[in-house]
Amino acid sequence: MAVEARIRELGSRHQNLDKAIQDELSRPAADTVKLKELKRQKLRLKEEIQALGSQAH
């Protein structure tokens, strides 16, 4: 059960990062450095979710 809870937590953080990316993109002068870092964090979370998902099965 702990793995599923961790996956849900990471999924929530992934969604929050997605929203932050969309918010930044909607700004007239989006900060490309900030966008790059947000996308990097989102990718790390996705990879961790996939790794945990394969362990759970």
N, C-alpha and C. Protein backbone atom coordinates (compact mmCIF):
# COMPACT_ATOMS: atom_id res chain seq x y z
N MET A 1 0.81 -1.21 0.00
CA MET A 1 0.00 0.00 0.00
C MET A 1 0.85 1.27 0.00
N ALA A 2 2.01 1.23 0.62
CA ALA A 2 2.85 2.43 0.69
C ALA A 2 3.28 2.87 -0.71
N VAL A 3 3.50 1.91 -1.59
CA VAL A 3 3.92 2.26 -2.95
C VAL A 3 2.80 2.99 -3.67
N GLU A 4 1.56 2.51 -3.52
CA GLU A 4 0.43 3.17 -4.18
C GLU A 4 0.24 4.58 -3.65
N ALA A 5 0.41 4.77 -2.35
CA ALA A 5 0.28 6.10 -1.76
C ALA A 5 1.36 7.03 -2.31
N ARG A 6 2.56 6.52 -2.44
CA ARG A 6 3.66 7.32 -2.98
C ARG A 6 3.40 7.69 -4.43
N ILE A 7 2.86 6.75 -5.20
CA ILE A 7 2.53 7.02 -6.60
C ILE A 7 1.46 8.12 -6.68
N ARG A 8 0.45 8.05 -5.81
CA ARG A 8 -0.60 9.09 -5.81
C ARG A 8 -0.01 10.45 -5.45
N GLU A 9 0.88 10.47 -4.46
CA GLU A 9 1.51 11.72 -4.05
C GLU A 9 2.33 12.31 -5.21
N LEU A 10 3.12 11.46 -5.85
CA LEU A 10 3.92 11.92 -6.97
C LEU A 10 3.03 12.38 -8.13
N GLY A 11 1.93 11.67 -8.35
CA GLY A 11 0.99 12.06 -9.41
C GLY A 11 0.40 13.44 -9.15
N SER A 12 0.11 13.72 -7.90
CA SER A 12 -0.42 15.03 -7.53
C SER A 12 0.63 16.11 -7.77
N ARG A 13 1.86 15.85 -7.37
CA ARG A 13 2.95 16.81 -7.60
C ARG A 13 3.17 17.01 -9.10
N HIS A 14 3.05 15.93 -9.88
CA HIS A 14 3.20 15.99 -11.34
C HIS A 14 2.14 16.92 -11.93
N GLN A 15 0.90 16.78 -11.46
CA GLN A 15 -0.19 17.64 -11.95
C GLN A 15 0.06 19.10 -11.57
N ASN A 16 0.56 19.32 -10.36
CA ASN A 16 0.85 20.69 -9.93
C ASN A 16 1.94 21.32 -10.79
N LEU A 17 2.94 20.53 -11.13
CA LEU A 17 3.99 21.04 -12.01
C LEU A 17 3.45 21.34 -13.40
N ASP A 18 2.54 20.49 -13.88
CA ASP A 18 1.93 20.71 -15.19
C ASP A 18 1.17 22.04 -15.20
N LYS A 19 0.44 22.30 -14.12
CA LYS A 19 -0.29 23.56 -14.00
C LYS A 19 0.67 24.74 -13.94
N ALA A 20 1.76 24.60 -13.20
CA ALA A 20 2.75 25.67 -13.11
C ALA A 20 3.37 25.96 -14.48
N ILE A 21 3.61 24.90 -15.24
CA ILE A 21 4.16 25.07 -16.60
C ILE A 21 3.16 25.81 -17.47
N GLN A 22 1.90 25.40 -17.41
CA GLN A 22 0.87 26.06 -18.22
C GLN A 22 0.72 27.52 -17.82
N ASP A 23 0.76 27.80 -16.50
CA ASP A 23 0.66 29.18 -16.02
C ASP A 23 1.82 30.02 -16.55
N GLU A 24 3.02 29.45 -16.50
CA GLU A 24 4.20 30.18 -16.99
C GLU A 24 4.10 30.43 -18.49
N LEU A 25 3.62 29.43 -19.24
CA LEU A 25 3.49 29.59 -20.69
C LEU A 25 2.46 30.64 -21.06
N SER A 26 1.48 30.85 -20.21
CA SER A 26 0.42 31.81 -20.52
C SER A 26 0.85 33.26 -20.25
N ARG A 27 1.98 33.42 -19.58
CA ARG A 27 2.50 34.76 -19.33
C ARG A 27 3.05 35.35 -20.63
N PRO A 28 2.93 36.66 -20.79
CA PRO A 28 3.44 37.29 -22.02
C PRO A 28 4.94 37.07 -22.22
N ALA A 29 5.72 37.12 -21.15
CA ALA A 29 7.17 36.94 -21.25
C ALA A 29 7.56 35.76 -20.35
N ALA A 30 7.29 34.57 -20.83
CA ALA A 30 7.58 33.37 -20.05
C ALA A 30 9.07 33.26 -19.77
N ASP A 31 9.39 32.86 -18.55
CA ASP A 31 10.79 32.68 -18.13
C ASP A 31 11.26 31.31 -18.61
N THR A 32 12.10 31.29 -19.63
CA THR A 32 12.52 30.02 -20.23
C THR A 32 13.35 29.17 -19.27
N VAL A 33 14.13 29.81 -18.41
CA VAL A 33 14.93 29.06 -17.44
C VAL A 33 14.00 28.37 -16.43
N LYS A 34 13.00 29.10 -15.97
CA LYS A 34 12.03 28.53 -15.04
C LYS A 34 11.26 27.39 -15.70
N LEU A 35 10.86 27.59 -16.94
CA LEU A 35 10.14 26.54 -17.67
C LEU A 35 10.99 25.28 -17.81
N LYS A 36 12.25 25.46 -18.13
CA LYS A 36 13.14 24.32 -18.31
C LYS A 36 13.26 23.53 -17.00
N GLU A 37 13.39 24.24 -15.88
CA GLU A 37 13.51 23.58 -14.58
C GLU A 37 12.20 22.87 -14.20
N LEU A 38 11.06 23.50 -14.44
CA LEU A 38 9.78 22.88 -14.14
C LEU A 38 9.59 21.60 -14.96
N LYS A 39 9.95 21.67 -16.22
CA LYS A 39 9.82 20.50 -17.10
C LYS A 39 10.77 19.38 -16.66
N ARG A 40 11.96 19.75 -16.22
CA ARG A 40 12.92 18.76 -15.74
C ARG A 40 12.38 18.06 -14.48
N GLN A 41 11.81 18.84 -13.57
CA GLN A 41 11.21 18.27 -12.35
C GLN A 41 10.05 17.34 -12.70
N LYS A 42 9.23 17.78 -13.64
CA LYS A 42 8.08 16.97 -14.05
C LYS A 42 8.53 15.65 -14.66
N LEU A 43 9.57 15.68 -15.46
CA LEU A 43 10.10 14.46 -16.07
C LEU A 43 10.65 13.52 -15.00
N ARG A 44 11.37 14.07 -14.01
CA ARG A 44 11.89 13.23 -12.93
C ARG A 44 10.76 12.54 -12.18
N LEU A 45 9.69 13.27 -11.92
CA LEU A 45 8.54 12.68 -11.23
C LEU A 45 7.92 11.58 -12.08
N LYS A 46 7.77 11.84 -13.37
CA LYS A 46 7.19 10.84 -14.26
C LYS A 46 8.02 9.56 -14.25
N GLU A 47 9.33 9.71 -14.31
CA GLU A 47 10.21 8.54 -14.30
C GLU A 47 10.10 7.79 -12.98
N GLU A 48 10.00 8.52 -11.88
CA GLU A 48 9.87 7.87 -10.57
C GLU A 48 8.53 7.14 -10.46
N ILE A 49 7.48 7.76 -10.98
CA ILE A 49 6.15 7.12 -10.97
C ILE A 49 6.19 5.82 -11.77
N GLN A 50 6.81 5.87 -12.95
CA GLN A 50 6.90 4.67 -13.79
C GLN A 50 7.72 3.57 -13.10
N ALA A 51 8.81 3.95 -12.45
CA ALA A 51 9.63 2.97 -11.75
C ALA A 51 8.86 2.33 -10.61
N LEU A 52 8.14 3.13 -9.85
CA LEU A 52 7.35 2.59 -8.73
C LEU A 52 6.21 1.73 -9.26
N GLY A 53 5.61 2.15 -10.37
CA GLY A 53 4.52 1.40 -10.97
C GLY A 53 4.96 0.01 -11.40
N SER A 54 6.15 -0.09 -11.94
CA SER A 54 6.63 -1.40 -12.35
C SER A 54 6.97 -2.28 -11.14
N GLN A 55 7.35 -1.67 -10.03
CA GLN A 55 7.59 -2.44 -8.79
C GLN A 55 6.30 -2.93 -8.17
N ALA A 56 5.24 -2.14 -8.31
CA ALA A 56 3.95 -2.47 -7.68
C ALA A 56 3.28 -3.66 -8.34
N HIS A 57 3.64 -3.93 -9.60
CA HIS A 57 2.97 -5.02 -10.32
C HIS A 57 3.74 -6.27 -10.24
